[in-house]
N, C-alpha and C. Protein backbone atom coordinates (compact mmCIF):
# COMPACT_ATOMS: atom_id res chain seq x y z
N MET A 1 -13.92 16.20 7.72
CA MET A 1 -13.93 14.94 8.42
C MET A 1 -12.84 14.10 7.67
N LYS A 2 -12.21 13.27 8.53
CA LYS A 2 -11.12 12.29 7.96
C LYS A 2 -11.30 10.92 8.53
N GLU A 3 -10.99 9.93 7.75
CA GLU A 3 -10.96 8.54 8.27
C GLU A 3 -9.54 8.06 8.37
N LEU A 4 -9.19 7.40 9.36
CA LEU A 4 -7.83 6.91 9.49
C LEU A 4 -7.86 5.29 9.59
N ARG A 5 -7.03 4.61 8.77
CA ARG A 5 -6.99 3.23 8.80
C ARG A 5 -5.52 2.82 9.16
N CYS A 6 -5.33 1.73 9.99
CA CYS A 6 -3.98 1.33 10.35
C CYS A 6 -3.86 -0.07 9.99
N LEU A 7 -2.82 -0.34 9.13
CA LEU A 7 -2.50 -1.87 8.86
C LEU A 7 -1.15 -2.10 9.52
N VAL A 8 -1.09 -3.00 10.46
CA VAL A 8 0.10 -3.38 11.20
C VAL A 8 0.64 -4.65 10.52
N PHE A 9 2.01 -4.70 10.19
CA PHE A 9 2.60 -5.72 9.56
C PHE A 9 3.52 -6.45 10.45
N THR A 10 3.71 -7.88 10.33
CA THR A 10 4.80 -8.55 10.98
C THR A 10 6.02 -8.34 10.24
N GLU A 11 7.12 -8.72 10.87
CA GLU A 11 8.43 -8.52 10.18
C GLU A 11 8.54 -9.52 8.93
N GLN A 12 7.98 -10.62 9.06
CA GLN A 12 7.89 -11.52 7.88
C GLN A 12 7.20 -11.07 6.74
N GLU A 13 6.02 -10.28 6.97
CA GLU A 13 5.29 -9.70 5.94
C GLU A 13 6.01 -8.48 5.31
N VAL A 14 6.83 -7.78 6.13
CA VAL A 14 7.50 -6.67 5.46
C VAL A 14 8.63 -7.26 4.61
N VAL A 15 9.34 -8.26 5.08
CA VAL A 15 10.44 -8.83 4.31
C VAL A 15 9.84 -9.40 3.01
N ARG A 16 8.78 -10.15 3.16
CA ARG A 16 8.21 -10.72 1.87
C ARG A 16 7.77 -9.62 0.91
N ALA A 17 7.13 -8.51 1.39
CA ALA A 17 6.68 -7.43 0.57
C ALA A 17 7.83 -6.79 -0.10
N VAL A 18 8.94 -6.53 0.67
CA VAL A 18 10.07 -5.80 0.04
C VAL A 18 10.74 -6.67 -0.94
N LEU A 19 10.95 -7.96 -0.70
CA LEU A 19 11.64 -8.89 -1.60
C LEU A 19 10.79 -9.14 -2.83
N ASP A 20 9.49 -9.25 -2.72
CA ASP A 20 8.58 -9.47 -3.86
C ASP A 20 8.63 -8.18 -4.74
N ARG A 21 8.67 -7.04 -4.14
CA ARG A 21 8.71 -5.83 -4.98
C ARG A 21 9.94 -5.64 -5.74
N ARG A 22 11.11 -5.97 -4.96
CA ARG A 22 12.42 -5.84 -5.70
C ARG A 22 12.53 -6.92 -6.79
N ARG A 23 12.04 -7.99 -6.66
CA ARG A 23 12.02 -9.01 -7.79
C ARG A 23 11.11 -8.53 -8.86
N ARG A 24 10.00 -7.97 -8.65
CA ARG A 24 9.12 -7.55 -9.71
C ARG A 24 9.69 -6.32 -10.57
N VAL A 25 10.37 -5.45 -9.83
CA VAL A 25 10.98 -4.27 -10.55
C VAL A 25 12.34 -4.63 -11.06
N LYS A 26 12.84 -5.89 -10.78
CA LYS A 26 14.13 -6.34 -11.29
C LYS A 26 15.32 -5.56 -10.61
N ASP A 27 15.22 -5.26 -9.34
CA ASP A 27 16.30 -4.72 -8.59
C ASP A 27 17.24 -5.86 -8.23
N VAL A 28 18.47 -5.48 -8.05
CA VAL A 28 19.43 -6.55 -7.66
C VAL A 28 19.25 -6.86 -6.17
N LEU A 29 19.22 -8.17 -5.88
CA LEU A 29 19.14 -8.59 -4.54
C LEU A 29 20.36 -9.42 -4.11
N PRO A 30 20.96 -9.26 -2.97
CA PRO A 30 22.02 -9.98 -2.55
C PRO A 30 21.62 -11.40 -2.29
N VAL A 31 22.57 -12.36 -2.56
CA VAL A 31 22.23 -13.85 -2.38
C VAL A 31 22.32 -14.11 -0.85
N GLY A 32 21.37 -14.82 -0.31
CA GLY A 32 21.47 -15.28 1.08
C GLY A 32 20.09 -15.24 1.77
N THR A 33 20.17 -15.24 3.08
CA THR A 33 18.92 -15.24 3.92
C THR A 33 18.84 -13.97 4.64
N VAL A 34 17.68 -13.40 4.87
CA VAL A 34 17.44 -12.26 5.75
C VAL A 34 17.61 -12.76 7.13
N SER A 35 18.58 -12.17 7.80
CA SER A 35 18.95 -12.47 9.22
C SER A 35 18.48 -11.58 10.24
N LYS A 36 18.18 -10.28 9.73
CA LYS A 36 17.89 -9.20 10.72
C LYS A 36 17.13 -8.13 10.02
N LEU A 37 16.11 -7.53 10.73
CA LEU A 37 15.33 -6.49 10.23
C LEU A 37 15.33 -5.44 11.24
N VAL A 38 15.67 -4.23 10.88
CA VAL A 38 15.70 -3.10 11.95
C VAL A 38 15.11 -1.88 11.35
N TYR A 39 14.27 -1.15 12.14
CA TYR A 39 13.62 0.03 11.65
C TYR A 39 14.25 1.21 12.44
N HIS A 40 14.53 2.26 11.73
CA HIS A 40 15.16 3.54 12.32
C HIS A 40 14.20 4.68 12.03
N ARG A 41 13.82 5.46 12.99
CA ARG A 41 13.01 6.60 12.89
C ARG A 41 13.84 7.80 12.58
N ASN A 42 13.77 8.32 11.38
CA ASN A 42 14.40 9.54 11.04
C ASN A 42 13.63 10.77 11.34
N GLU A 43 14.22 11.69 12.08
CA GLU A 43 13.47 12.91 12.50
C GLU A 43 14.19 14.19 12.12
N GLY A 44 15.15 13.97 11.20
CA GLY A 44 15.83 15.25 10.75
C GLY A 44 14.92 16.02 9.74
N PRO A 45 15.35 17.26 9.55
CA PRO A 45 14.56 18.08 8.56
C PRO A 45 14.74 17.65 7.09
N GLU A 46 15.70 16.91 6.74
CA GLU A 46 15.93 16.46 5.42
C GLU A 46 15.29 15.11 5.15
N HIS A 47 15.30 14.18 6.17
CA HIS A 47 14.97 12.84 5.92
C HIS A 47 13.97 12.38 7.00
N GLU A 48 12.73 12.76 6.84
CA GLU A 48 11.71 12.32 7.77
C GLU A 48 11.20 10.98 7.35
N GLY A 49 10.71 10.15 8.36
CA GLY A 49 10.19 8.85 7.96
C GLY A 49 10.85 7.74 8.67
N ILE A 50 10.53 6.51 8.15
CA ILE A 50 11.17 5.34 8.76
C ILE A 50 12.15 4.68 7.79
N GLU A 51 13.26 4.45 8.23
CA GLU A 51 14.27 3.82 7.46
C GLU A 51 14.35 2.32 7.93
N THR A 52 14.24 1.44 6.80
CA THR A 52 14.18 -0.02 7.07
C THR A 52 15.55 -0.55 6.71
N ARG A 53 16.19 -1.37 7.54
CA ARG A 53 17.50 -2.08 7.21
C ARG A 53 17.32 -3.58 7.26
N LEU A 54 17.62 -4.18 6.16
CA LEU A 54 17.63 -5.58 6.06
C LEU A 54 19.02 -6.11 6.04
N THR A 55 19.34 -7.04 6.91
CA THR A 55 20.71 -7.68 6.92
C THR A 55 20.51 -9.07 6.26
N ILE A 56 21.27 -9.27 5.16
CA ILE A 56 21.22 -10.56 4.49
C ILE A 56 22.58 -11.24 4.64
N THR A 57 22.47 -12.42 5.13
CA THR A 57 23.69 -13.29 5.39
C THR A 57 23.76 -14.37 4.30
N ASP A 58 24.90 -14.40 3.61
CA ASP A 58 25.10 -15.46 2.50
C ASP A 58 25.52 -16.73 3.14
N ASP A 59 25.80 -17.77 2.38
CA ASP A 59 26.20 -19.11 2.78
C ASP A 59 27.67 -19.15 3.56
N ASN A 60 28.45 -18.14 3.14
CA ASN A 60 29.80 -18.06 3.87
C ASN A 60 29.79 -17.24 5.08
N GLY A 61 28.64 -16.67 5.46
CA GLY A 61 28.63 -15.94 6.74
C GLY A 61 28.75 -14.45 6.52
N ALA A 62 29.05 -14.06 5.31
CA ALA A 62 29.20 -12.61 5.07
C ALA A 62 27.87 -11.89 5.03
N ALA A 63 27.75 -10.69 5.72
CA ALA A 63 26.52 -10.09 5.84
C ALA A 63 26.54 -8.77 4.90
N THR A 64 25.41 -8.56 4.27
CA THR A 64 25.18 -7.41 3.45
C THR A 64 23.97 -6.68 4.00
N GLU A 65 24.02 -5.37 4.16
CA GLU A 65 22.97 -4.57 4.64
C GLU A 65 22.29 -3.76 3.59
N LEU A 66 20.96 -3.85 3.46
CA LEU A 66 20.14 -3.15 2.55
C LEU A 66 19.46 -2.06 3.33
N VAL A 67 19.72 -0.84 2.86
CA VAL A 67 19.04 0.33 3.56
C VAL A 67 17.91 0.79 2.66
N LEU A 68 16.68 0.66 3.09
CA LEU A 68 15.51 1.06 2.31
C LEU A 68 14.80 2.35 2.82
N ALA A 69 14.54 3.16 1.93
CA ALA A 69 13.82 4.39 2.20
C ALA A 69 12.30 4.05 2.52
N ASP A 70 11.69 4.89 3.14
CA ASP A 70 10.24 4.73 3.55
C ASP A 70 9.33 4.61 2.29
N THR A 71 9.72 5.38 1.20
CA THR A 71 8.92 5.37 0.02
C THR A 71 8.94 3.98 -0.70
N GLU A 72 10.08 3.32 -0.63
CA GLU A 72 10.17 2.08 -1.27
C GLU A 72 9.42 0.95 -0.45
N VAL A 73 9.52 1.05 0.93
CA VAL A 73 8.75 0.13 1.80
C VAL A 73 7.24 0.32 1.71
N THR A 74 6.86 1.61 1.56
CA THR A 74 5.46 1.89 1.59
C THR A 74 4.87 1.35 0.21
N ALA A 75 5.62 1.54 -0.87
CA ALA A 75 5.13 0.91 -2.23
C ALA A 75 5.15 -0.57 -2.03
N ALA A 76 6.03 -1.11 -1.45
CA ALA A 76 6.08 -2.63 -1.27
C ALA A 76 4.93 -3.06 -0.51
N LEU A 77 4.52 -2.38 0.59
CA LEU A 77 3.42 -2.88 1.45
C LEU A 77 2.02 -2.55 0.71
N VAL A 78 1.98 -1.49 -0.09
CA VAL A 78 0.79 -1.32 -0.86
C VAL A 78 0.57 -2.46 -1.89
N GLY A 79 1.65 -2.83 -2.55
CA GLY A 79 1.66 -3.85 -3.53
C GLY A 79 1.32 -5.23 -2.79
N TYR A 80 1.80 -5.40 -1.67
CA TYR A 80 1.54 -6.60 -0.91
C TYR A 80 0.11 -6.59 -0.59
N CYS A 81 -0.57 -5.63 -0.13
CA CYS A 81 -1.99 -5.55 0.13
C CYS A 81 -2.76 -5.86 -1.14
N MET A 82 -2.34 -5.27 -2.21
CA MET A 82 -3.09 -5.39 -3.42
C MET A 82 -3.06 -6.84 -3.90
N GLY A 83 -1.88 -7.57 -3.70
CA GLY A 83 -1.79 -8.87 -4.13
C GLY A 83 -2.62 -9.79 -3.26
N ARG A 84 -2.95 -9.42 -2.05
CA ARG A 84 -3.91 -10.18 -1.16
C ARG A 84 -5.32 -9.67 -1.17
N ARG A 85 -5.64 -8.80 -2.01
CA ARG A 85 -6.97 -8.29 -2.28
C ARG A 85 -7.42 -7.63 -1.06
N ILE A 86 -6.60 -6.87 -0.39
CA ILE A 86 -6.97 -6.00 0.77
C ILE A 86 -7.31 -4.62 0.17
N PRO A 87 -8.53 -4.20 0.30
CA PRO A 87 -8.81 -2.99 -0.45
C PRO A 87 -8.15 -1.73 0.22
N LEU A 88 -7.56 -0.86 -0.61
CA LEU A 88 -6.91 0.38 -0.19
C LEU A 88 -7.51 1.45 -1.09
N PRO A 89 -7.87 2.51 -0.46
CA PRO A 89 -8.37 3.70 -1.27
C PRO A 89 -7.25 4.30 -2.05
N VAL A 90 -7.47 4.68 -3.24
CA VAL A 90 -6.48 5.20 -4.15
C VAL A 90 -6.29 6.62 -3.71
N ALA A 91 -7.39 7.44 -3.51
CA ALA A 91 -7.19 8.92 -3.12
C ALA A 91 -7.01 8.96 -1.62
N SER A 92 -5.87 8.59 -1.15
CA SER A 92 -5.59 8.64 0.32
C SER A 92 -4.09 8.96 0.55
N ASP A 93 -3.75 9.43 1.63
CA ASP A 93 -2.32 9.61 2.10
C ASP A 93 -1.89 8.32 2.82
N LYS A 94 -0.77 7.76 2.42
CA LYS A 94 -0.26 6.53 3.00
C LYS A 94 1.11 6.83 3.59
N MET A 95 1.33 6.59 4.91
CA MET A 95 2.61 6.90 5.58
C MET A 95 2.85 5.73 6.50
N LEU A 96 4.14 5.49 6.74
CA LEU A 96 4.69 4.51 7.55
C LEU A 96 4.90 5.12 9.04
N HIS A 97 4.56 4.37 9.99
CA HIS A 97 4.81 4.76 11.42
C HIS A 97 5.24 3.47 12.19
N LEU A 98 5.98 3.68 13.26
CA LEU A 98 6.28 2.61 14.14
C LEU A 98 5.37 2.64 15.31
N ILE A 99 4.60 1.64 15.61
CA ILE A 99 3.78 1.53 16.81
C ILE A 99 4.07 0.26 17.53
N ASN A 100 4.56 0.49 18.66
CA ASN A 100 5.10 -0.71 19.59
C ASN A 100 6.05 -1.56 18.87
N GLY A 101 6.92 -0.95 18.12
CA GLY A 101 7.95 -1.65 17.37
C GLY A 101 7.51 -2.38 16.14
N ALA A 102 6.23 -2.23 15.66
CA ALA A 102 5.80 -2.90 14.53
C ALA A 102 5.68 -1.83 13.45
N LEU A 103 5.93 -2.17 12.20
CA LEU A 103 5.69 -1.25 11.09
C LEU A 103 4.28 -1.15 10.84
N THR A 104 3.71 0.07 10.65
CA THR A 104 2.27 0.26 10.58
C THR A 104 2.10 1.16 9.31
N LEU A 105 1.21 0.83 8.47
CA LEU A 105 0.79 1.73 7.28
C LEU A 105 -0.43 2.41 7.69
N MET A 106 -0.40 3.71 7.82
CA MET A 106 -1.39 4.55 8.15
C MET A 106 -2.04 5.17 6.89
N ILE A 107 -3.32 5.03 6.69
CA ILE A 107 -4.03 5.48 5.45
C ILE A 107 -5.03 6.47 5.97
N THR A 108 -4.87 7.71 5.50
CA THR A 108 -5.72 8.79 5.83
C THR A 108 -6.58 9.20 4.66
N MET A 109 -7.96 9.27 4.79
CA MET A 109 -8.82 9.79 3.69
C MET A 109 -9.46 11.01 4.15
N ASN A 110 -9.39 12.00 3.28
CA ASN A 110 -10.10 13.29 3.53
C ASN A 110 -11.46 13.35 2.96
N PHE A 111 -12.51 13.53 3.86
CA PHE A 111 -13.90 13.56 3.27
C PHE A 111 -14.37 15.01 3.09
N ASN A 112 -13.50 15.99 3.23
CA ASN A 112 -14.01 17.38 2.98
C ASN A 112 -13.77 17.85 1.55
N LYS A 113 -13.48 16.84 0.64
CA LYS A 113 -13.34 17.21 -0.72
C LYS A 113 -14.75 17.39 -1.34
N ALA A 114 -14.83 18.25 -2.39
CA ALA A 114 -16.07 18.49 -3.05
C ALA A 114 -16.61 17.15 -3.66
N PRO A 115 -17.89 16.97 -3.60
CA PRO A 115 -18.54 15.78 -4.07
C PRO A 115 -18.45 15.79 -5.57
N ARG A 116 -18.32 14.51 -6.13
CA ARG A 116 -18.33 14.38 -7.58
C ARG A 116 -19.65 14.73 -8.27
N LEU A 117 -19.64 15.41 -9.32
CA LEU A 117 -20.85 15.77 -9.98
C LEU A 117 -21.24 14.56 -10.97
N VAL A 118 -22.51 14.19 -10.73
CA VAL A 118 -23.14 13.03 -11.51
C VAL A 118 -24.02 13.70 -12.57
N VAL A 119 -23.77 13.36 -13.73
CA VAL A 119 -24.55 14.02 -14.88
C VAL A 119 -25.41 12.86 -15.40
N THR A 120 -26.73 13.04 -15.43
CA THR A 120 -27.58 12.09 -16.07
C THR A 120 -27.92 12.57 -17.51
N THR A 121 -27.96 11.63 -18.46
CA THR A 121 -28.15 12.00 -19.83
C THR A 121 -29.60 11.69 -20.31
N GLY A 122 -30.46 12.80 -20.25
CA GLY A 122 -31.70 12.81 -20.80
C GLY A 122 -32.72 11.61 -20.35
N ALA A 123 -32.58 11.20 -19.14
CA ALA A 123 -33.49 10.15 -18.64
C ALA A 123 -34.85 10.78 -18.53
N ALA A 124 -36.02 10.02 -18.82
CA ALA A 124 -37.29 10.53 -18.67
C ALA A 124 -37.64 10.39 -17.14
N GLU A 125 -38.48 11.44 -16.75
CA GLU A 125 -38.77 11.47 -15.31
C GLU A 125 -39.59 10.31 -14.85
N GLY A 126 -40.36 9.71 -15.57
CA GLY A 126 -41.18 8.66 -15.08
C GLY A 126 -40.63 7.27 -15.29
N ALA A 127 -39.30 7.26 -15.75
CA ALA A 127 -38.70 6.03 -16.04
C ALA A 127 -38.55 5.09 -14.79
N GLY A 128 -38.76 3.87 -14.96
CA GLY A 128 -38.72 2.93 -13.81
C GLY A 128 -37.39 2.20 -13.81
N ALA A 129 -37.37 1.02 -13.20
CA ALA A 129 -36.19 0.28 -13.12
C ALA A 129 -35.71 -0.29 -14.48
N ALA A 130 -36.61 -0.39 -15.34
CA ALA A 130 -36.21 -0.96 -16.75
C ALA A 130 -35.13 -0.03 -17.42
N ASP A 131 -35.18 1.29 -17.12
CA ASP A 131 -34.19 2.16 -17.79
C ASP A 131 -32.82 2.01 -17.23
N ARG A 132 -32.69 1.42 -15.94
CA ARG A 132 -31.45 1.30 -15.37
C ARG A 132 -30.79 -0.02 -15.78
N LEU A 133 -31.58 -0.99 -16.39
CA LEU A 133 -30.93 -2.21 -16.81
C LEU A 133 -30.14 -2.03 -18.13
N SER A 134 -29.23 -2.95 -18.33
CA SER A 134 -28.54 -2.89 -19.52
C SER A 134 -29.46 -3.12 -20.71
N PRO A 135 -29.11 -2.68 -21.86
CA PRO A 135 -30.03 -2.88 -23.11
C PRO A 135 -30.31 -4.46 -23.33
N LYS A 136 -29.44 -5.27 -23.04
CA LYS A 136 -29.73 -6.73 -23.30
C LYS A 136 -30.77 -7.23 -22.34
N ARG A 137 -30.88 -6.76 -21.11
CA ARG A 137 -31.84 -7.14 -20.10
C ARG A 137 -33.07 -6.54 -20.40
N ARG A 138 -33.17 -5.37 -21.06
CA ARG A 138 -34.46 -4.67 -21.37
C ARG A 138 -35.24 -5.36 -22.46
N ILE A 139 -34.56 -6.10 -23.29
CA ILE A 139 -35.27 -6.75 -24.41
C ILE A 139 -36.34 -7.71 -23.93
N GLY A 140 -36.15 -8.45 -22.89
CA GLY A 140 -37.19 -9.45 -22.49
C GLY A 140 -38.34 -8.80 -21.71
N ARG A 141 -38.26 -7.53 -21.50
CA ARG A 141 -39.34 -6.92 -20.64
C ARG A 141 -40.42 -6.18 -21.36
C-alpha cells in the first residue's frame, strides 16, 4: 500500500523557495527582479523531470536566465515547507510534476516496508503506568 500527497505551489512560492535556497547555500544570484517563470517538461532518456527557468531583469533592462534542474527546485521546495513547519515524511519519494500548469511536489510513501522492531528492556509484566513515566515524575508517586 502507498500513500500519495500533493503540494501545489504558486509561482511566487517557487520563486521565493529557489531564491531563499540559493542565498542559504551562497550561490551567486544575478541582480534584478524576477520577471518570468517558465516550466519545461523534459521527457528525454537522459534528462527526465521538470526544468525551471527564471528570467531576471536588472535595472538597465538586461535579462539573465537561470536554468534550474528539478533536483535543485525539489530541494528548495522541501526547505520552503520545512521553514513553514509543513510536515514532510523523511522516508518518502519526492518528485516534481506539472498539474494544470502549476508546479506540484508529489510525495509517495511506501507502507509495504517491514515494521520496525521495538525492543523492551526487562519491564516487569505487572508494571503499570508508573513505569512509563520519567524517573523524575515517578518520585512523587
